[in-house]
Amino acid sequence: MLYSTAAAIRCPTHMKSLRRRYVRVPGPFDGWRVGLVNTPVTIYDLSDGGCFVQTSEEAPPPGRHIVLKITLPGESGIHFKGETVYVRDRVGFAVSFVDVPAESSDRLQRSLLRLRGLLGDGEPGPGMMPLCPRCRDAAVSPLGMAASTLSWFSCDECEHVWAAREPAPATEVAVPAAAPRSQASTRGSKQILIADDDGGVLGVLEEGLAGYRVLTARDVAEAWTLGHGAPLDLLITDYLMPDGTGEELITKLREAHPSLKVIILTGHERMLEDEGFAWWRTERHLTKPCSMAEIRASVMDLIGSP
């Protein structure tokens, strides 16, 4: 640790176990605690399991769930949901990451490998050579197409073999105002944009909302690219995605669509309630897991039938 009082701090047993399990990079790194007002913080002892946070604001109590945005070399900002493990008065607080989206985990591990000198700037980055989905190791070998439409990979560490999903469209590519037929169904006249980093959730919602025109996105950037120039009646969004939050997406899209209706579909309801976000209380929200019948009823209530 790089802060001056670190030598006098004794870590609880839980944090000692985290130290043994994860390789930690000292820092410091810039970050923010995402809240009513995003508060600047400084990040130390960063690993793919958690970090230590210094802040001028009051530290959240142990057990509190928070959202951190951390800026790392080569990354504009990665969002994490964390749980406060312990607090050290006038020093800071330790955070354990929970429910980390796969893309956020990939971006973090790539950055940590680069910071440790184990991955050069010219080597494959996130979205080019994936981490092993089983053991999260970076020693991955491409196997080619293997007579399929997807790229296959094997892990040199645990020997797991898997097919990578097709990459999401690049965010800088211009999208026409009318969504392509492959993205939007021609049935119905009302259009819904769904943003969630979980491809399984996107598939279930797209099928369950048959009759509406549906666009799907895996993160904030892709959702903005698809939605800001297209006619939209409703946004269904997760709260925490690799490159931002549902709140940020709602704010950006309402600049283009002031009357846009919103449903927040999230598993982080307790954290959002604890933080007391005003915007959260004013938006329609459902807690994961919920039934397709509940979702469709909310959609019908907000925008009517297709």
Protein backbone atom coordinates (compact mmCIF):
# COMPACT_ATOMS: atom_id res chain seq x y z
CA MET A 1 0.00 0.00 0.00
CA LEU A 2 1.21 3.47 -0.82
CA TYR A 3 -0.67 5.60 1.68
CA SER A 4 1.37 6.85 4.65
CA THR A 5 -0.42 5.04 7.44
CA ALA A 6 -0.50 1.67 5.73
CA ALA A 7 2.23 0.16 7.88
CA ALA A 8 0.12 0.65 10.98
CA ILE A 9 -2.95 -1.12 9.56
CA ARG A 10 -3.68 -4.73 10.27
CA CYS A 11 -6.03 -6.31 7.77
CA PRO A 12 -8.89 -8.52 9.00
CA THR A 13 -8.79 -12.21 8.17
CA HIS A 14 -11.10 -11.73 5.21
CA MET A 15 -8.74 -9.28 3.53
CA LYS A 16 -5.73 -11.51 4.27
CA SER A 17 -7.47 -14.31 2.41
CA LEU A 18 -8.13 -11.94 -0.49
CA ARG A 19 -4.43 -11.01 -0.57
CA ARG A 20 -3.46 -14.67 -0.82
CA ARG A 21 -5.99 -15.32 -3.56
CA TYR A 22 -5.41 -12.26 -5.78
CA VAL A 23 -2.31 -10.52 -7.09
CA ARG A 24 -2.69 -6.84 -6.18
CA VAL A 25 -1.24 -3.80 -7.98
CA PRO A 26 -0.38 -0.95 -5.54
CA GLY A 27 -1.67 2.05 -7.50
CA PRO A 28 -2.66 4.81 -7.06
CA PHE A 29 -5.43 4.96 -9.67
CA ASP A 30 -8.10 7.59 -10.23
CA GLY A 31 -11.68 6.64 -9.57
CA TRP A 32 -15.13 7.77 -8.55
CA ARG A 33 -17.77 6.53 -6.19
CA VAL A 34 -20.92 6.67 -8.31
CA GLY A 35 -23.82 8.28 -6.46
CA LEU A 36 -26.09 11.30 -6.35
CA VAL A 37 -22.90 13.21 -7.13
CA ASN A 38 -19.93 11.21 -8.37
CA THR A 39 -17.26 11.56 -5.66
CA PRO A 40 -13.55 11.42 -6.65
CA VAL A 41 -11.64 8.66 -4.87
CA THR A 42 -8.15 7.16 -5.06
CA ILE A 43 -7.74 3.44 -5.58
CA TYR A 44 -4.94 1.35 -4.04
CA ASP A 45 -4.17 -2.37 -3.87
CA LEU A 46 -6.26 -3.12 -6.96
CA SER A 47 -6.90 -6.71 -8.00
CA ASP A 48 -9.61 -8.57 -9.86
CA GLY A 49 -11.14 -9.33 -6.45
CA GLY A 50 -11.31 -5.84 -4.93
CA CYS A 51 -9.38 -2.74 -3.90
CA PHE A 52 -8.73 -0.21 -1.14
CA VAL A 53 -10.40 3.19 -1.50
CA GLN A 54 -9.26 6.53 -0.11
CA THR A 55 -11.89 9.26 -0.02
CA SER A 56 -12.46 12.65 1.56
CA GLU A 57 -16.12 11.75 2.12
CA GLU A 58 -17.61 9.56 4.82
CA ALA A 59 -16.84 5.90 4.18
CA PRO A 60 -19.77 3.51 3.62
CA PRO A 61 -20.33 1.05 6.51
CA PRO A 62 -19.26 -2.60 6.19
CA GLY A 63 -21.72 -4.60 4.12
CA ARG A 64 -22.89 -1.60 2.09
CA HIS A 65 -23.00 -2.14 -1.67
CA ILE A 66 -21.60 0.70 -3.80
CA VAL A 67 -20.58 1.35 -7.42
CA LEU A 68 -17.02 2.35 -8.30
CA LYS A 69 -15.74 3.69 -11.63
CA ILE A 70 -11.99 3.12 -11.99
CA THR A 71 -9.75 4.62 -14.68
CA LEU A 72 -6.79 2.47 -15.70
CA PRO A 73 -4.11 2.84 -18.39
CA GLY A 74 -5.77 2.36 -21.76
CA GLU A 75 -9.27 2.23 -20.26
CA SER A 76 -11.60 5.24 -20.05
CA GLY A 77 -13.40 3.83 -17.01
CA ILE A 78 -14.59 0.44 -15.77
CA HIS A 79 -17.64 0.14 -13.51
CA PHE A 80 -17.80 -2.31 -10.61
CA LYS A 81 -20.31 -3.16 -7.95
CA GLY A 82 -18.51 -3.59 -4.64
CA GLU A 83 -19.28 -4.45 -1.03
CA THR A 84 -17.48 -2.64 1.77
CA VAL A 85 -15.45 -5.17 3.77
CA TYR A 86 -14.01 -2.93 6.48
CA VAL A 87 -13.37 0.76 7.23
CA ARG A 88 -10.25 2.43 8.60
CA ASP A 89 -11.04 5.86 10.07
CA ARG A 90 -9.27 8.74 8.32
CA VAL A 91 -7.63 6.25 5.92
CA GLY A 92 -10.30 4.67 3.73
CA PHE A 93 -12.20 1.46 3.20
CA ALA A 94 -11.69 -1.94 1.57
CA VAL A 95 -14.02 -3.17 -1.15
CA SER A 96 -14.67 -6.66 -2.47
CA PHE A 97 -16.04 -6.76 -6.03
CA VAL A 98 -19.32 -8.62 -6.52
CA ASP A 99 -21.43 -9.50 -9.58
CA VAL A 100 -18.71 -8.33 -11.99
CA PRO A 101 -19.86 -8.40 -15.66
CA ALA A 102 -17.62 -10.58 -17.84
CA GLU A 103 -16.52 -7.64 -20.00
CA SER A 104 -15.56 -5.56 -16.96
CA SER A 105 -13.56 -8.51 -15.62
CA ASP A 106 -11.77 -8.93 -18.96
CA ARG A 107 -10.86 -5.23 -19.18
CA LEU A 108 -9.62 -5.19 -15.58
CA GLN A 109 -7.47 -8.30 -15.95
CA ARG A 110 -5.92 -7.04 -19.18
CA SER A 111 -5.04 -3.75 -17.47
CA LEU A 112 -3.56 -5.52 -14.45
CA LEU A 113 -1.45 -7.75 -16.69
CA ARG A 114 -0.13 -4.69 -18.52
CA LEU A 115 0.62 -2.89 -15.26
CA ARG A 116 2.60 -5.92 -14.08
CA GLY A 117 4.54 -6.00 -17.37
CA LEU A 118 3.06 -9.34 -18.43
CA LEU A 119 1.17 -8.03 -21.46
CA GLY A 120 2.63 -5.56 -23.96
CA ASP A 121 0.72 -2.69 -25.52
CA GLY A 122 0.90 -4.38 -28.91
CA GLU A 123 -0.55 -7.67 -27.70
CA PRO A 124 -4.21 -8.61 -28.09
CA GLY A 125 -6.54 -6.66 -25.80
CA PRO A 126 -10.14 -7.06 -24.60
CA GLY A 127 -12.45 -8.29 -27.31
CA MET A 128 -9.51 -9.56 -29.44
CA MET A 129 -8.11 -12.50 -27.46
CA PRO A 130 -10.56 -13.41 -24.66
CA LEU A 131 -9.68 -14.61 -21.19
CA CYS A 132 -10.60 -18.19 -20.32
CA PRO A 133 -14.23 -18.17 -19.08
CA ARG A 134 -13.48 -21.01 -16.65
CA CYS A 135 -10.22 -20.00 -14.89
CA ARG A 136 -9.86 -16.39 -16.20
CA ASP A 137 -6.29 -17.10 -17.35
CA ALA A 138 -4.82 -14.97 -20.16
CA ALA A 139 -2.76 -17.79 -21.73
CA VAL A 140 -5.23 -18.50 -24.53
CA SER A 141 -4.62 -20.07 -27.94
CA PRO A 142 -6.88 -19.54 -30.98
CA LEU A 143 -8.20 -22.71 -32.67
CA GLY A 144 -9.76 -21.09 -35.74
CA MET A 145 -13.35 -21.51 -36.89
CA ALA A 146 -13.53 -25.29 -36.25
CA ALA A 147 -16.08 -25.75 -39.06
CA SER A 148 -18.52 -23.33 -37.40
CA THR A 149 -19.42 -19.64 -37.70
CA LEU A 150 -17.65 -18.74 -34.42
CA SER A 151 -14.01 -18.46 -33.38
CA TRP A 152 -12.81 -21.19 -31.00
CA PHE A 153 -10.16 -20.93 -28.28
CA SER A 154 -8.37 -23.18 -25.79
CA CYS A 155 -6.87 -22.32 -22.40
CA ASP A 156 -3.23 -23.31 -21.93
CA GLU A 157 -3.75 -23.40 -18.15
CA CYS A 158 -6.91 -25.49 -17.57
CA GLU A 159 -7.33 -26.88 -21.15
CA HIS A 160 -10.89 -25.58 -21.41
CA VAL A 161 -12.17 -25.18 -25.00
CA TRP A 162 -14.95 -22.74 -25.93
CA ALA A 163 -16.45 -20.67 -28.74
CA ALA A 164 -16.41 -16.89 -28.34
CA ARG A 165 -19.58 -14.95 -29.02
CA GLU A 166 -19.60 -12.64 -31.99
CA PRO A 167 -18.29 -9.16 -31.08
CA ALA A 168 -20.73 -6.31 -30.52
CA PRO A 169 -20.85 -3.63 -33.25
CA ALA A 170 -18.16 -0.96 -32.87
CA THR A 171 -19.56 2.09 -31.12
CA GLU A 172 -18.04 4.54 -33.61
CA VAL A 173 -19.94 3.08 -36.58
CA ALA A 174 -22.82 5.33 -37.61
CA VAL A 175 -26.25 3.71 -37.26
CA PRO A 176 -29.13 4.87 -39.51
CA ALA A 177 -32.24 6.31 -37.92
CA ALA A 178 -34.22 3.27 -39.01
CA ALA A 179 -32.88 0.14 -37.34
CA PRO A 180 -31.72 -2.67 -39.65
CA ARG A 181 -34.10 -5.56 -40.17
CA SER A 182 -31.69 -7.90 -38.33
CA GLN A 183 -32.05 -5.74 -35.18
CA ALA A 184 -35.69 -4.71 -35.26
CA SER A 185 -38.77 -6.78 -35.97
CA THR A 186 -41.22 -5.31 -38.49
CA ARG A 187 -44.14 -6.36 -36.30
CA GLY A 188 -45.89 -3.59 -34.45
CA SER A 189 -45.17 0.13 -34.56
CA LYS A 190 -43.70 0.65 -31.08
CA GLN A 191 -39.98 0.23 -30.58
CA ILE A 192 -38.15 -0.89 -27.43
CA LEU A 193 -34.42 -0.67 -26.73
CA ILE A 194 -33.07 -3.26 -24.26
CA ALA A 195 -29.61 -2.75 -22.69
CA ASP A 196 -28.02 -5.53 -20.63
CA ASP A 197 -24.53 -7.06 -20.61
CA ASP A 198 -26.07 -10.54 -20.21
CA GLY A 199 -26.80 -12.00 -23.64
CA GLY A 200 -29.16 -14.56 -22.10
CA VAL A 201 -31.34 -11.80 -20.64
CA LEU A 202 -31.43 -10.03 -24.01
CA GLY A 203 -32.56 -13.21 -25.75
CA VAL A 204 -35.34 -13.94 -23.26
CA LEU A 205 -36.66 -10.37 -23.34
CA GLU A 206 -36.56 -10.15 -27.12
CA GLU A 207 -38.55 -13.38 -27.40
CA GLY A 208 -40.95 -12.43 -24.59
CA LEU A 209 -41.72 -9.06 -26.16
CA ALA A 210 -42.62 -10.52 -29.54
CA GLY A 211 -44.90 -8.13 -31.38
CA TYR A 212 -42.92 -5.04 -30.47
CA ARG A 213 -39.96 -3.85 -32.50
CA VAL A 214 -36.89 -4.62 -30.37
CA LEU A 215 -33.30 -3.35 -30.42
CA THR A 216 -30.70 -4.96 -28.13
CA ALA A 217 -27.39 -3.64 -26.77
CA ARG A 218 -24.76 -5.08 -24.43
CA ASP A 219 -23.50 -1.82 -22.91
CA VAL A 220 -24.16 1.92 -22.61
CA ALA A 221 -22.12 2.89 -25.66
CA GLU A 222 -23.86 0.42 -27.96
CA ALA A 223 -27.28 1.37 -26.58
CA TRP A 224 -26.59 5.07 -27.24
CA THR A 225 -25.34 4.30 -30.77
CA LEU A 226 -28.48 2.30 -31.58
CA GLY A 227 -30.99 4.47 -29.76
CA HIS A 228 -30.16 8.15 -30.02
CA GLY A 229 -31.14 8.47 -33.68
CA ALA A 230 -33.90 5.85 -33.79
CA PRO A 231 -37.57 6.28 -32.85
CA LEU A 232 -37.92 4.87 -29.32
CA ASP A 233 -40.97 4.36 -27.14
CA LEU A 234 -39.36 2.50 -24.23
CA LEU A 235 -35.95 1.73 -22.74
CA ILE A 236 -35.46 -1.41 -20.64
CA THR A 237 -32.04 -1.22 -19.01
CA ASP A 238 -29.85 -2.99 -16.49
CA TYR A 239 -28.32 -0.70 -13.87
CA LEU A 240 -24.66 -1.76 -13.89
CA MET A 241 -22.92 -2.39 -17.22
CA PRO A 242 -19.20 -2.57 -18.06
CA ASP A 243 -18.92 0.98 -19.41
CA GLY A 244 -21.53 2.84 -17.36
CA THR A 245 -24.79 2.76 -15.46
CA GLY A 246 -28.44 2.68 -16.41
CA GLU A 247 -28.81 6.17 -14.94
CA GLU A 248 -26.17 7.52 -17.35
CA LEU A 249 -27.88 5.81 -20.29
CA ILE A 250 -31.30 7.19 -19.32
CA THR A 251 -29.91 10.72 -19.05
CA LYS A 252 -28.17 10.54 -22.43
CA LEU A 253 -31.12 9.04 -24.30
CA ARG A 254 -33.60 11.52 -22.83
CA GLU A 255 -31.55 14.31 -24.39
CA ALA A 256 -32.65 12.84 -27.73
CA HIS A 257 -36.02 11.47 -26.56
CA PRO A 258 -37.37 13.72 -23.73
CA SER A 259 -40.57 11.68 -23.26
CA LEU A 260 -38.85 8.28 -23.29
CA LYS A 261 -40.43 5.74 -20.92
CA VAL A 262 -38.06 3.59 -18.85
CA ILE A 263 -38.01 0.27 -16.99
CA ILE A 264 -34.92 -0.51 -14.89
CA LEU A 265 -34.37 -4.26 -14.61
CA THR A 266 -31.70 -4.95 -12.00
CA GLY A 267 -30.46 -7.21 -9.25
CA HIS A 268 -28.99 -4.23 -7.36
CA GLU A 269 -32.22 -2.89 -5.85
CA ARG A 270 -30.97 -3.03 -2.24
CA MET A 271 -27.90 -0.95 -3.08
CA LEU A 272 -29.96 1.63 -4.98
CA GLU A 273 -32.47 1.89 -2.14
CA ASP A 274 -29.67 2.24 0.45
CA GLU A 275 -28.03 5.04 -1.54
CA GLY A 276 -31.34 6.92 -1.68
CA PHE A 277 -31.13 7.87 -5.36
CA ALA A 278 -33.96 10.27 -6.23
CA TRP A 279 -33.99 9.19 -9.88
CA TRP A 280 -34.41 5.53 -8.84
CA ARG A 281 -37.64 6.27 -6.99
CA THR A 282 -39.15 8.10 -9.94
CA GLU A 283 -38.50 5.40 -12.56
CA ARG A 284 -40.38 2.13 -13.05
CA HIS A 285 -38.16 -0.70 -11.86
CA LEU A 286 -38.29 -4.47 -11.49
CA THR A 287 -35.95 -6.66 -9.48
CA LYS A 288 -34.18 -9.64 -11.03
CA PRO A 289 -35.25 -12.36 -11.08
CA CYS A 290 -38.79 -11.55 -12.19
CA SER A 291 -41.27 -13.20 -14.51
CA MET A 292 -41.80 -12.34 -18.15
CA ALA A 293 -45.45 -11.72 -17.27
CA GLU A 294 -44.39 -8.93 -14.85
CA ILE A 295 -42.16 -7.36 -17.48
CA ARG A 296 -44.77 -7.51 -20.21
CA ALA A 297 -47.41 -6.06 -17.86
CA SER A 298 -45.11 -3.12 -17.08
CA VAL A 299 -44.44 -2.59 -20.78
CA MET A 300 -48.15 -2.61 -21.56
CA ASP A 301 -48.82 -0.15 -18.74
CA LEU A 302 -46.18 2.30 -19.98
CA ILE A 303 -46.59 2.20 -23.77
CA GLY A 304 -49.62 0.01 -24.47
CA SER A 305 -49.89 -2.81 -26.98
CA PRO A 306 -47.52 -3.14 -29.95
